[in-house]
Amino acid sequence: MRIFSFKKEAEMKNNDRTKGKEKTLVKECVDQLKDGKLPPWKVEEELEKKFNLIPPDNFRTAALSRQKFIEEGTGKKFRYIGLPDKPYKVRNQCDMHKFVWELDASDENQSCSLCGNQLKSLGQYDPLVANYVGGTEDYYSFAGRIRVSGDLEKEFTNLLVYGTGLGPMGITKGCFLINKFGGAEVKVAEFARAARCLGFVFKTEELRKKAIHIIDEFLPELKPEMNAQMSDVGGRVGPAEYVQVESHQGFLLYVDFTADFENFRGHGGISRAVGFAKREIEKRLQKGKVKPELCVIAQGYDGDLKPSPRNKRGRYASAQIRVPVHKFEELLKINAREFISFVDLDRTGAQKLGCPFYSGMGGEIIPALYRATKVNPRSCLVSSFQNIYARVDGEDLIYGVELPNVEVGVLSTHEGLIPPVGREALDIIGIQTARDFAACMAAQVLAGEFNLALEIVRERLYDS
């Protein structure tokens, strides 16, 4: 018993020394991060070179350093976005296929999924993702801090579930440059919209005209009842849009309803309201002796899961920087006209491909924010519709991004459960409202796109 006690005491003392050393190293790194002397993506390298903490032992300390840096800057704590004991990946090889597998160090399945053979460790390690700060299933990355002004005055601490790639590093660099230029100027619509559409097929043009007249006269009475159907999400229905189309099926009529929402996505609310409206309108048409061949919820026109420049869903958000040309060229060592030419070249290429809008990194950044925050909806297809613009205005260079359809509900309600890790991410980032979410997304997309464009024009990317 006494021998066991000595061993236990020795283990405890050893653990205390290890924790004490880790605490010292974390403080040293956090101080350097605060001073701006140490980029977030170089913490692992700093621990190895300066303190001889070699892989894989440096990965946990590096992640913990970034966590503490974020906690001290935001006043928020990491609780649900946990940090595992082995926050790194291990390279393994299959002798048969010669593929190199990269597996989470906690993964106990060490067999090749192609042939079933046991994998052999190569003794090579890397962080789970760039700028890793925590997470055991979804790997969270720190992507810098960015200040916004205009419709909102805030600073966001960016957390993304980005996955493989150097995107979080690029966004961090972009945030640094944008902050240096005074921050991002954002515009964000006060309300978001959701849409649902009724579709009718009539035999004759005369019947269609009568239907429009009946529906139009009924709307003042119908709208308050539709609003009552959306009272749980605060929805307010707006003007209806009538779209008339002729087809081989007959005379088509779309009656598109949109409603405004503040912090909800509104998809379920508008669906209930228009479902109610359909029944009531059918009664009125029947009373007016107007019989459609078909009356349905016409999802083809309501924009659900359809990225389009005419989509009326979501909230408009934009972010831009305005920099004097001489300052842009002096600081970045890039000719402003060449920079604008690159953007125009890329936009033209996108249009030749058939894309009505122009985007670059946004297609990765936007899903990464949705994955990190777990908000509603989980599909961000509509929200990923993005446009980049750049021009010289007088003595200034303007570079910006537009997100016309940011579709999001940030409250954990019957509309969509947000798990604890998602709510924690929202809190740490600084997102309290749906407008905050849209502004944060636009600012992060701006940072990523701006840095990407700069790196390409400088010919620092894709160089073998």
Protein backbone atom coordinates (compact mmCIF):
# COMPACT_ATOMS: atom_id res chain seq x y z
CA MET A 1 0.00 0.00 0.00
CA ARG A 2 2.84 2.38 0.87
CA ILE A 3 4.62 1.68 -2.47
CA PHE A 4 1.39 2.42 -4.34
CA SER A 5 1.03 5.65 -2.39
CA PHE A 6 4.57 6.75 -3.35
CA LYS A 7 3.86 6.01 -7.03
CA LYS A 8 0.63 7.94 -6.93
CA GLU A 9 2.31 10.90 -5.26
CA ALA A 10 5.08 10.86 -7.88
CA GLU A 11 2.54 10.77 -10.72
CA MET A 12 0.63 13.69 -9.19
CA LYS A 13 3.82 15.74 -8.80
CA ASN A 14 4.81 14.96 -12.38
CA ASN A 15 1.35 15.99 -13.62
CA ASP A 16 1.57 19.22 -11.63
CA ARG A 17 4.98 20.00 -13.16
CA THR A 18 3.62 19.28 -16.65
CA LYS A 19 0.59 21.49 -16.10
CA GLY A 20 2.78 24.19 -14.62
CA LYS A 21 5.09 24.13 -17.66
CA GLU A 22 2.09 24.16 -20.02
CA LYS A 23 0.60 27.12 -18.18
CA THR A 24 3.87 29.03 -18.49
CA LEU A 25 4.16 28.30 -22.20
CA VAL A 26 0.53 29.25 -22.82
CA LYS A 27 1.02 32.59 -21.04
CA GLU A 28 4.15 33.30 -23.10
CA CYS A 29 2.30 32.58 -26.37
CA VAL A 30 -0.81 34.53 -25.37
CA ASP A 31 1.32 37.57 -24.53
CA GLN A 32 2.96 37.39 -27.96
CA LEU A 33 -0.41 36.96 -29.67
CA LYS A 34 -1.71 40.04 -27.86
CA ASP A 35 1.32 42.09 -28.88
CA GLY A 36 0.88 41.03 -32.50
CA LYS A 37 4.37 39.53 -32.52
CA LEU A 38 3.10 35.99 -33.12
CA PRO A 39 0.61 35.14 -35.88
CA PRO A 40 -2.04 32.64 -34.68
CA TRP A 41 -0.98 30.05 -37.27
CA LYS A 42 2.64 30.08 -36.11
CA VAL A 43 2.10 29.13 -32.46
CA GLU A 44 3.03 25.48 -33.08
CA GLU A 45 6.23 26.57 -34.81
CA GLU A 46 7.09 29.00 -31.99
CA LEU A 47 6.69 26.28 -29.35
CA GLU A 48 8.95 23.94 -31.31
CA LYS A 49 11.72 26.42 -32.14
CA LYS A 50 11.81 28.53 -28.98
CA PHE A 51 10.80 26.01 -26.32
CA ASN A 52 11.83 22.71 -27.97
CA LEU A 53 8.29 21.37 -27.65
CA ILE A 54 8.24 19.08 -30.67
CA PRO A 55 5.28 17.47 -32.49
CA PRO A 56 2.94 16.07 -31.42
CA ASP A 57 3.39 17.53 -27.92
CA ASN A 58 3.16 21.14 -29.13
CA PHE A 59 -0.28 20.84 -30.74
CA ARG A 60 -2.36 20.85 -27.55
CA THR A 61 -0.40 23.74 -26.05
CA ALA A 62 -0.81 25.73 -29.26
CA ALA A 63 -4.57 25.16 -29.36
CA LEU A 64 -4.85 26.02 -25.67
CA SER A 65 -2.88 29.24 -26.29
CA ARG A 66 -5.29 30.32 -29.01
CA GLN A 67 -8.23 29.44 -26.75
CA LYS A 68 -6.87 31.55 -23.88
CA PHE A 69 -6.09 34.40 -26.27
CA ILE A 70 -9.71 34.36 -27.46
CA GLU A 71 -11.08 34.02 -23.93
CA GLU A 72 -9.11 37.01 -22.67
CA GLY A 73 -10.14 39.09 -25.66
CA THR A 74 -13.85 38.27 -25.50
CA GLY A 75 -14.46 37.53 -21.82
CA LYS A 76 -16.11 34.26 -22.90
CA LYS A 77 -15.09 30.73 -21.95
CA PHE A 78 -14.70 27.57 -24.01
CA ARG A 79 -16.84 24.90 -22.35
CA TYR A 80 -18.61 22.80 -24.97
CA ILE A 81 -16.04 23.27 -27.73
CA GLY A 82 -13.71 20.91 -25.93
CA LEU A 83 -10.02 20.26 -26.37
CA PRO A 84 -9.06 16.55 -26.54
CA ASP A 85 -5.86 15.14 -25.06
CA LYS A 86 -4.46 14.43 -28.52
CA PRO A 87 -5.59 17.27 -30.80
CA TYR A 88 -3.66 16.26 -33.88
CA LYS A 89 -3.72 13.92 -36.86
CA VAL A 90 -1.36 11.06 -37.60
CA ARG A 91 -0.16 9.96 -41.03
CA ASN A 92 -0.52 6.26 -41.74
CA GLN A 93 0.10 4.15 -44.81
CA CYS A 94 -1.53 1.11 -46.38
CA ASP A 95 1.12 -1.29 -47.70
CA MET A 96 -1.16 -2.54 -50.45
CA HIS A 97 -2.43 0.74 -51.92
CA LYS A 98 0.44 2.97 -50.75
CA PHE A 99 -2.09 5.67 -49.87
CA VAL A 100 -1.22 7.94 -46.97
CA TRP A 101 -4.11 8.15 -44.55
CA GLU A 102 -4.43 11.11 -42.19
CA LEU A 103 -6.39 10.08 -39.11
CA ASP A 104 -7.43 11.83 -35.92
CA ALA A 105 -5.09 10.57 -33.17
CA SER A 106 -8.16 9.45 -31.22
CA ASP A 107 -9.37 7.24 -34.10
CA GLU A 108 -9.06 3.61 -32.97
CA ASN A 109 -9.97 2.21 -36.39
CA GLN A 110 -6.52 1.64 -37.87
CA SER A 111 -7.56 -0.40 -40.89
CA CYS A 112 -7.65 0.62 -44.56
CA SER A 113 -11.28 1.04 -45.59
CA LEU A 114 -10.42 -0.09 -49.14
CA CYS A 115 -8.82 -3.44 -48.37
CA GLY A 116 -9.11 -3.94 -44.61
CA ASN A 117 -5.34 -4.19 -44.05
CA GLN A 118 -3.83 -2.72 -40.91
CA LEU A 119 -2.37 0.74 -41.42
CA LYS A 120 1.19 1.52 -40.36
CA SER A 121 2.03 4.78 -38.66
CA LEU A 122 4.62 6.96 -40.44
CA GLY A 123 5.36 8.83 -37.23
CA GLN A 124 4.31 12.13 -38.85
CA TYR A 125 1.91 14.56 -37.21
CA ASP A 126 0.00 17.73 -38.02
CA PRO A 127 -2.69 19.90 -36.37
CA LEU A 128 -6.23 18.70 -37.00
CA VAL A 129 -6.94 21.91 -38.95
CA ALA A 130 -5.29 25.30 -39.40
CA ASN A 131 -5.58 27.59 -36.34
CA TYR A 132 -7.30 24.79 -34.39
CA VAL A 133 -8.93 25.86 -31.11
CA GLY A 134 -11.11 22.88 -30.15
CA GLY A 135 -13.79 20.41 -31.10
CA THR A 136 -13.76 16.63 -31.24
CA GLU A 137 -16.08 15.91 -34.18
CA ASP A 138 -16.25 19.34 -35.79
CA TYR A 139 -12.81 20.92 -35.73
CA TYR A 140 -13.01 24.64 -34.95
CA SER A 141 -10.53 27.14 -36.38
CA PHE A 142 -9.78 30.68 -35.25
CA ALA A 143 -10.02 33.06 -38.22
CA GLY A 144 -9.01 36.41 -36.76
CA ARG A 145 -10.94 39.40 -35.47
CA ILE A 146 -12.62 42.00 -37.63
CA ARG A 147 -14.14 45.38 -36.83
CA VAL A 148 -17.28 46.52 -38.63
CA SER A 149 -18.99 49.89 -38.85
CA GLY A 150 -21.94 51.32 -40.72
CA ASP A 151 -25.26 49.65 -39.96
CA LEU A 152 -23.57 47.86 -37.04
CA GLU A 153 -20.62 48.85 -34.85
CA LYS A 154 -18.98 45.68 -33.51
CA GLU A 155 -15.92 43.49 -33.45
CA PHE A 156 -16.32 39.81 -34.28
CA THR A 157 -13.98 37.02 -33.15
CA ASN A 158 -14.21 34.55 -36.00
CA LEU A 159 -14.69 30.82 -35.40
CA LEU A 160 -15.19 28.51 -38.36
CA VAL A 161 -15.54 24.79 -39.00
CA TYR A 162 -13.62 25.16 -42.24
CA GLY A 163 -11.98 21.78 -42.63
CA THR A 164 -8.86 21.02 -44.63
CA GLY A 165 -7.00 23.95 -46.16
CA LEU A 166 -5.36 27.23 -45.27
CA GLY A 167 -8.58 29.25 -45.46
CA PRO A 168 -8.61 30.27 -41.75
CA MET A 169 -5.08 31.64 -42.14
CA GLY A 170 -6.07 33.63 -45.22
CA ILE A 171 -9.15 35.06 -43.49
CA THR A 172 -7.02 36.01 -40.47
CA LYS A 173 -4.58 37.84 -42.75
CA GLY A 174 -7.47 39.55 -44.52
CA CYS A 175 -8.96 40.67 -41.20
CA PHE A 176 -5.61 42.15 -40.17
CA LEU A 177 -5.37 44.19 -43.39
CA ILE A 178 -8.99 45.34 -43.29
CA ASN A 179 -8.63 46.44 -39.66
CA LYS A 180 -5.49 48.32 -40.67
CA PHE A 181 -7.57 50.17 -43.28
CA GLY A 182 -10.16 51.10 -40.64
CA GLY A 183 -12.40 48.03 -40.63
CA ALA A 184 -15.22 46.85 -42.86
CA GLU A 185 -18.18 49.04 -43.68
CA VAL A 186 -21.32 46.90 -43.55
CA LYS A 187 -24.87 47.31 -44.73
CA VAL A 188 -27.45 44.90 -43.35
CA ALA A 189 -31.20 44.87 -43.97
CA GLU A 190 -33.28 45.34 -40.83
CA PHE A 191 -35.50 42.37 -41.65
CA ALA A 192 -35.10 39.07 -43.46
CA ARG A 193 -37.75 37.65 -45.75
CA ALA A 194 -39.19 34.22 -46.37
CA ALA A 195 -41.42 33.34 -49.30
CA ARG A 196 -44.06 30.80 -50.23
CA CYS A 197 -45.96 30.72 -53.49
CA LEU A 198 -49.40 29.57 -54.62
CA GLY A 199 -49.62 28.22 -58.15
CA PHE A 200 -52.76 28.03 -60.27
CA VAL A 201 -53.53 26.64 -63.71
CA PHE A 202 -56.61 28.05 -65.51
CA LYS A 203 -58.28 27.02 -68.75
CA THR A 204 -58.76 30.58 -70.00
CA GLU A 205 -57.23 34.02 -69.64
CA GLU A 206 -60.61 35.35 -68.49
CA LEU A 207 -60.70 32.94 -65.52
CA ARG A 208 -57.17 33.94 -64.54
CA LYS A 209 -58.10 37.65 -64.59
CA LYS A 210 -61.16 36.99 -62.43
CA ALA A 211 -59.02 35.01 -59.97
CA ILE A 212 -56.52 37.88 -59.61
CA HIS A 213 -59.38 40.31 -58.95
CA ILE A 214 -60.95 38.04 -56.29
CA ILE A 215 -57.62 37.37 -54.55
CA ASP A 216 -56.64 41.05 -54.61
CA GLU A 217 -59.89 42.12 -53.02
CA PHE A 218 -59.59 39.38 -50.38
CA LEU A 219 -56.00 40.19 -49.30
CA PRO A 220 -56.77 43.03 -46.84
CA GLU A 221 -58.96 40.61 -44.91
CA LEU A 222 -56.61 37.65 -45.34
CA LYS A 223 -53.30 39.22 -44.28
CA PRO A 224 -54.10 39.71 -40.56
CA GLU A 225 -55.11 36.06 -40.37
CA MET A 226 -51.87 35.04 -42.11
CA ASN A 227 -49.90 37.13 -39.59
CA ALA A 228 -51.67 35.29 -36.78
CA GLN A 229 -50.38 32.02 -38.23
CA MET A 230 -46.83 33.42 -37.88
CA SER A 231 -47.18 35.10 -34.48
CA ASP A 232 -44.77 32.63 -32.83
CA VAL A 233 -41.95 33.86 -35.09
CA GLY A 234 -43.06 37.47 -35.44
CA GLY A 235 -43.75 37.26 -39.16
CA ARG A 236 -45.51 40.05 -41.05
CA VAL A 237 -46.76 39.33 -44.56
CA GLY A 238 -46.05 41.93 -47.23
CA PRO A 239 -47.53 42.66 -50.68
CA ALA A 240 -48.31 39.67 -52.89
CA GLU A 241 -46.67 39.39 -56.30
CA TYR A 242 -48.69 38.16 -59.28
CA VAL A 243 -46.77 36.46 -62.08
CA GLN A 244 -48.61 35.31 -65.19
CA VAL A 245 -47.17 32.72 -67.59
CA GLU A 246 -48.61 30.85 -70.56
CA SER A 247 -47.69 27.20 -71.10
CA HIS A 248 -49.01 24.15 -72.88
CA GLN A 249 -50.77 23.28 -69.60
CA GLY A 250 -52.86 26.46 -69.74
CA PHE A 251 -52.78 29.91 -68.17
CA LEU A 252 -50.49 29.85 -65.15
CA LEU A 253 -50.70 32.21 -62.18
CA TYR A 254 -48.17 32.48 -59.39
CA VAL A 255 -49.20 34.35 -56.24
CA ASP A 256 -46.00 34.83 -54.28
CA PHE A 257 -46.23 35.83 -50.62
CA THR A 258 -43.27 37.19 -48.66
CA ALA A 259 -43.08 37.99 -44.96
CA ASP A 260 -40.57 39.91 -42.82
CA PHE A 261 -38.77 38.34 -39.86
CA GLU A 262 -36.27 39.80 -37.41
CA ASN A 263 -34.36 36.91 -35.82
CA PHE A 264 -36.09 33.89 -37.32
CA ARG A 265 -35.59 32.23 -40.68
CA GLY A 266 -39.37 32.17 -41.10
CA HIS A 267 -39.55 29.16 -43.41
CA GLY A 268 -42.04 27.25 -41.26
CA GLY A 269 -44.03 30.38 -40.42
CA ILE A 270 -44.62 31.46 -44.03
CA SER A 271 -45.37 27.84 -45.00
CA ARG A 272 -48.17 27.65 -42.40
CA ALA A 273 -49.51 31.07 -43.37
CA VAL A 274 -49.64 30.35 -47.10
CA GLY A 275 -51.09 26.89 -46.47
CA PHE A 276 -53.89 28.63 -44.56
CA ALA A 277 -54.24 31.24 -47.34
CA LYS A 278 -54.56 28.50 -49.97
CA ARG A 279 -57.61 27.00 -48.26
CA GLU A 280 -59.28 30.40 -47.79
CA ILE A 281 -58.56 31.56 -51.36
CA GLU A 282 -59.96 28.32 -52.78
CA LYS A 283 -63.20 28.99 -50.89
CA ARG A 284 -63.40 32.53 -52.30
CA LEU A 285 -62.71 31.34 -55.85
CA GLN A 286 -65.38 28.69 -55.54
CA LYS A 287 -67.84 31.30 -54.27
CA GLY A 288 -66.96 33.50 -57.27
CA LYS A 289 -67.47 30.55 -59.63
CA VAL A 290 -63.80 30.55 -60.67
CA LYS A 291 -62.51 26.98 -60.85
CA PRO A 292 -58.77 26.42 -61.41
CA GLU A 293 -57.57 23.23 -63.04
CA LEU A 294 -54.90 23.07 -60.36
CA CYS A 295 -54.13 24.93 -57.12
CA VAL A 296 -50.96 23.97 -55.22
CA ILE A 297 -48.04 25.34 -53.22
CA ALA A 298 -45.68 26.13 -56.12
CA GLN A 299 -42.22 25.64 -54.64
CA GLY A 300 -40.58 26.27 -57.98
CA TYR A 301 -41.07 30.01 -57.62
CA ASP A 302 -40.68 30.61 -53.88
CA GLY A 303 -36.87 30.45 -53.82
CA ASP A 304 -36.55 27.60 -51.32
CA LEU A 305 -33.06 26.09 -51.80
CA LYS A 306 -32.66 27.98 -55.08
CA PRO A 307 -29.74 30.41 -55.30
CA SER A 308 -30.74 33.07 -57.79
CA PRO A 309 -30.35 36.83 -58.32
CA ARG A 310 -34.16 37.05 -58.16
CA ASN A 311 -34.52 35.08 -54.92
CA LYS A 312 -36.48 37.06 -52.31
CA ARG A 313 -35.51 34.96 -49.30
CA GLY A 314 -33.10 35.99 -46.56
CA ARG A 315 -31.52 39.28 -45.55
CA TYR A 316 -29.29 41.51 -47.66
CA ALA A 317 -25.79 42.12 -46.29
CA SER A 318 -22.68 43.69 -47.76
CA ALA A 319 -19.21 44.57 -46.55
CA GLN A 320 -16.60 46.75 -48.22
CA ILE A 321 -13.41 48.70 -47.68
CA ARG A 322 -12.58 52.10 -49.14
CA VAL A 323 -8.85 52.80 -49.28
CA PRO A 324 -6.98 55.74 -50.85
CA VAL A 325 -5.22 54.37 -53.94
CA HIS A 326 -1.84 55.73 -52.87
CA LYS A 327 -2.18 54.05 -49.45
CA PHE A 328 -3.29 50.77 -51.05
CA GLU A 329 -0.30 50.73 -53.40
CA GLU A 330 2.20 51.88 -50.78
CA LEU A 331 1.18 49.36 -48.13
CA LEU A 332 0.47 46.35 -50.35
CA LYS A 333 3.00 46.96 -53.13
CA ILE A 334 0.34 46.31 -55.79
CA ASN A 335 -0.76 48.50 -58.66
CA ALA A 336 -4.44 49.35 -58.07
CA ARG A 337 -5.33 49.15 -61.76
CA GLU A 338 -3.80 45.67 -62.03
CA PHE A 339 -5.79 44.61 -58.99
CA ILE A 340 -9.05 45.87 -60.54
CA SER A 341 -8.13 44.16 -63.82
CA PHE A 342 -7.74 40.83 -62.03
CA VAL A 343 -11.19 41.15 -60.43
CA ASP A 344 -12.70 42.00 -63.82
CA LEU A 345 -10.89 39.09 -65.46
CA ASP A 346 -12.15 36.66 -62.85
CA ARG A 347 -15.71 38.03 -62.97
CA THR A 348 -15.81 37.69 -66.75
CA GLY A 349 -14.63 34.10 -66.47
CA ALA A 350 -17.39 33.33 -63.96
CA GLN A 351 -19.99 34.85 -66.25
CA LYS A 352 -18.71 32.84 -69.22
CA LEU A 353 -19.26 29.78 -67.07
CA GLY A 354 -22.87 30.82 -66.62
CA CYS A 355 -22.67 32.24 -63.07
CA PRO A 356 -24.81 35.39 -62.80
CA PHE A 357 -22.83 36.58 -59.78
CA TYR A 358 -19.12 36.41 -58.99
CA SER A 359 -17.65 34.64 -55.96
CA GLY A 360 -14.42 33.03 -54.83
CA MET A 361 -13.78 31.86 -51.25
CA GLY A 362 -17.29 32.67 -50.09
CA GLY A 363 -18.47 29.22 -51.12
CA GLU A 364 -16.18 27.80 -48.40
CA ILE A 365 -16.41 30.53 -45.75
CA ILE A 366 -20.21 30.73 -45.64
CA PRO A 367 -20.78 26.98 -45.01
CA ALA A 368 -17.95 27.05 -42.45
CA LEU A 369 -19.80 29.67 -40.37
CA TYR A 370 -23.06 27.71 -40.56
CA ARG A 371 -21.24 24.53 -39.46
CA ALA A 372 -19.59 26.35 -36.56
CA THR A 373 -22.76 27.93 -35.22
CA LYS A 374 -25.25 25.12 -36.04
CA VAL A 375 -27.94 27.68 -36.85
CA ASN A 376 -31.12 27.18 -38.84
CA PRO A 377 -31.11 26.29 -41.74
CA ARG A 378 -28.39 23.68 -41.89
CA SER A 379 -28.37 24.02 -45.68
CA CYS A 380 -26.79 27.36 -46.62
CA LEU A 381 -27.33 26.99 -50.36
CA VAL A 382 -29.42 30.16 -50.75
CA SER A 383 -27.15 32.16 -48.44
CA SER A 384 -24.05 31.23 -50.46
CA PHE A 385 -25.13 33.41 -53.39
CA GLN A 386 -22.42 36.07 -53.45
CA ASN A 387 -21.11 38.92 -55.58
CA ILE A 388 -17.68 40.56 -55.47
CA TYR A 389 -17.17 44.07 -56.77
CA ALA A 390 -14.15 46.34 -57.12
CA ARG A 391 -13.66 49.78 -58.65
CA VAL A 392 -11.71 53.00 -58.36
CA ASP A 393 -13.87 55.89 -57.16
CA GLY A 394 -11.98 59.16 -57.48
CA GLU A 395 -8.85 58.78 -55.37
CA ASP A 396 -10.12 55.66 -53.58
CA LEU A 397 -10.15 51.94 -54.30
CA ILE A 398 -13.34 50.17 -53.25
CA TYR A 399 -13.49 46.41 -52.79
CA GLY A 400 -16.56 44.68 -51.45
CA VAL A 401 -18.87 41.69 -51.32
CA GLU A 402 -22.65 41.42 -51.42
CA LEU A 403 -24.70 38.60 -49.92
CA PRO A 404 -28.26 39.24 -51.07
CA ASN A 405 -29.94 36.27 -49.35
CA VAL A 406 -28.53 35.53 -45.89
CA GLU A 407 -31.12 33.09 -44.59
CA VAL A 408 -30.72 32.41 -40.86
CA GLY A 409 -32.45 31.91 -37.54
CA VAL A 410 -30.10 32.43 -34.58
CA LEU A 411 -32.50 31.44 -31.79
CA SER A 412 -32.72 27.88 -30.54
CA THR A 413 -36.48 27.31 -30.77
CA HIS A 414 -39.02 25.01 -32.42
CA GLU A 415 -37.78 26.46 -35.72
CA GLY A 416 -34.42 24.75 -35.23
CA LEU A 417 -32.48 23.41 -32.26
CA ILE A 418 -29.01 24.90 -31.84
CA PRO A 419 -26.82 22.52 -29.77
CA PRO A 420 -24.58 23.81 -26.95
CA VAL A 421 -21.44 23.97 -29.13
CA GLY A 422 -23.32 26.14 -31.65
CA ARG A 423 -24.65 28.53 -29.01
CA GLU A 424 -21.19 28.76 -27.49
CA ALA A 425 -19.69 29.59 -30.88
CA LEU A 426 -22.29 32.32 -31.44
CA ASP A 427 -21.49 33.77 -28.02
CA ILE A 428 -17.72 33.76 -28.53
CA ILE A 429 -17.97 35.21 -32.04
CA GLY A 430 -20.18 38.02 -30.73
CA ILE A 431 -23.37 37.16 -32.63
CA GLN A 432 -26.53 38.02 -30.71
CA THR A 433 -29.00 38.69 -33.53
CA ALA A 434 -29.63 37.56 -37.08
CA ARG A 435 -28.36 40.96 -38.28
CA ASP A 436 -25.12 40.31 -36.39
CA PHE A 437 -24.82 36.96 -38.14
CA ALA A 438 -25.28 38.51 -41.58
CA ALA A 439 -22.79 41.30 -40.84
CA CYS A 440 -20.23 38.84 -39.47
CA MET A 441 -20.62 36.59 -42.50
CA ALA A 442 -20.21 39.47 -44.95
CA ALA A 443 -17.13 40.76 -43.10
CA GLN A 444 -15.48 37.33 -43.02
CA VAL A 445 -16.20 36.73 -46.70
CA LEU A 446 -14.73 40.16 -47.47
CA ALA A 447 -11.57 39.31 -45.52
CA GLY A 448 -11.12 35.95 -47.22
CA GLU A 449 -11.83 37.23 -50.72
CA PHE A 450 -9.63 40.30 -50.32
CA ASN A 451 -6.65 38.30 -49.10
CA LEU A 452 -7.15 35.66 -51.82
CA ALA A 453 -7.24 38.31 -54.55
CA LEU A 454 -4.10 39.95 -53.18
CA GLU A 455 -2.22 36.65 -53.03
CA ILE A 456 -3.17 35.75 -56.61
CA VAL A 457 -2.18 39.15 -58.01
CA ARG A 458 1.12 38.93 -56.09
CA GLU A 459 1.58 35.47 -57.65
CA ARG A 460 2.02 33.85 -54.25
CA LEU A 461 -0.53 31.11 -54.88
CA TYR A 462 -0.44 28.12 -57.22
CA ASP A 463 3.30 28.48 -57.69
CA SER A 464 4.96 25.06 -57.92
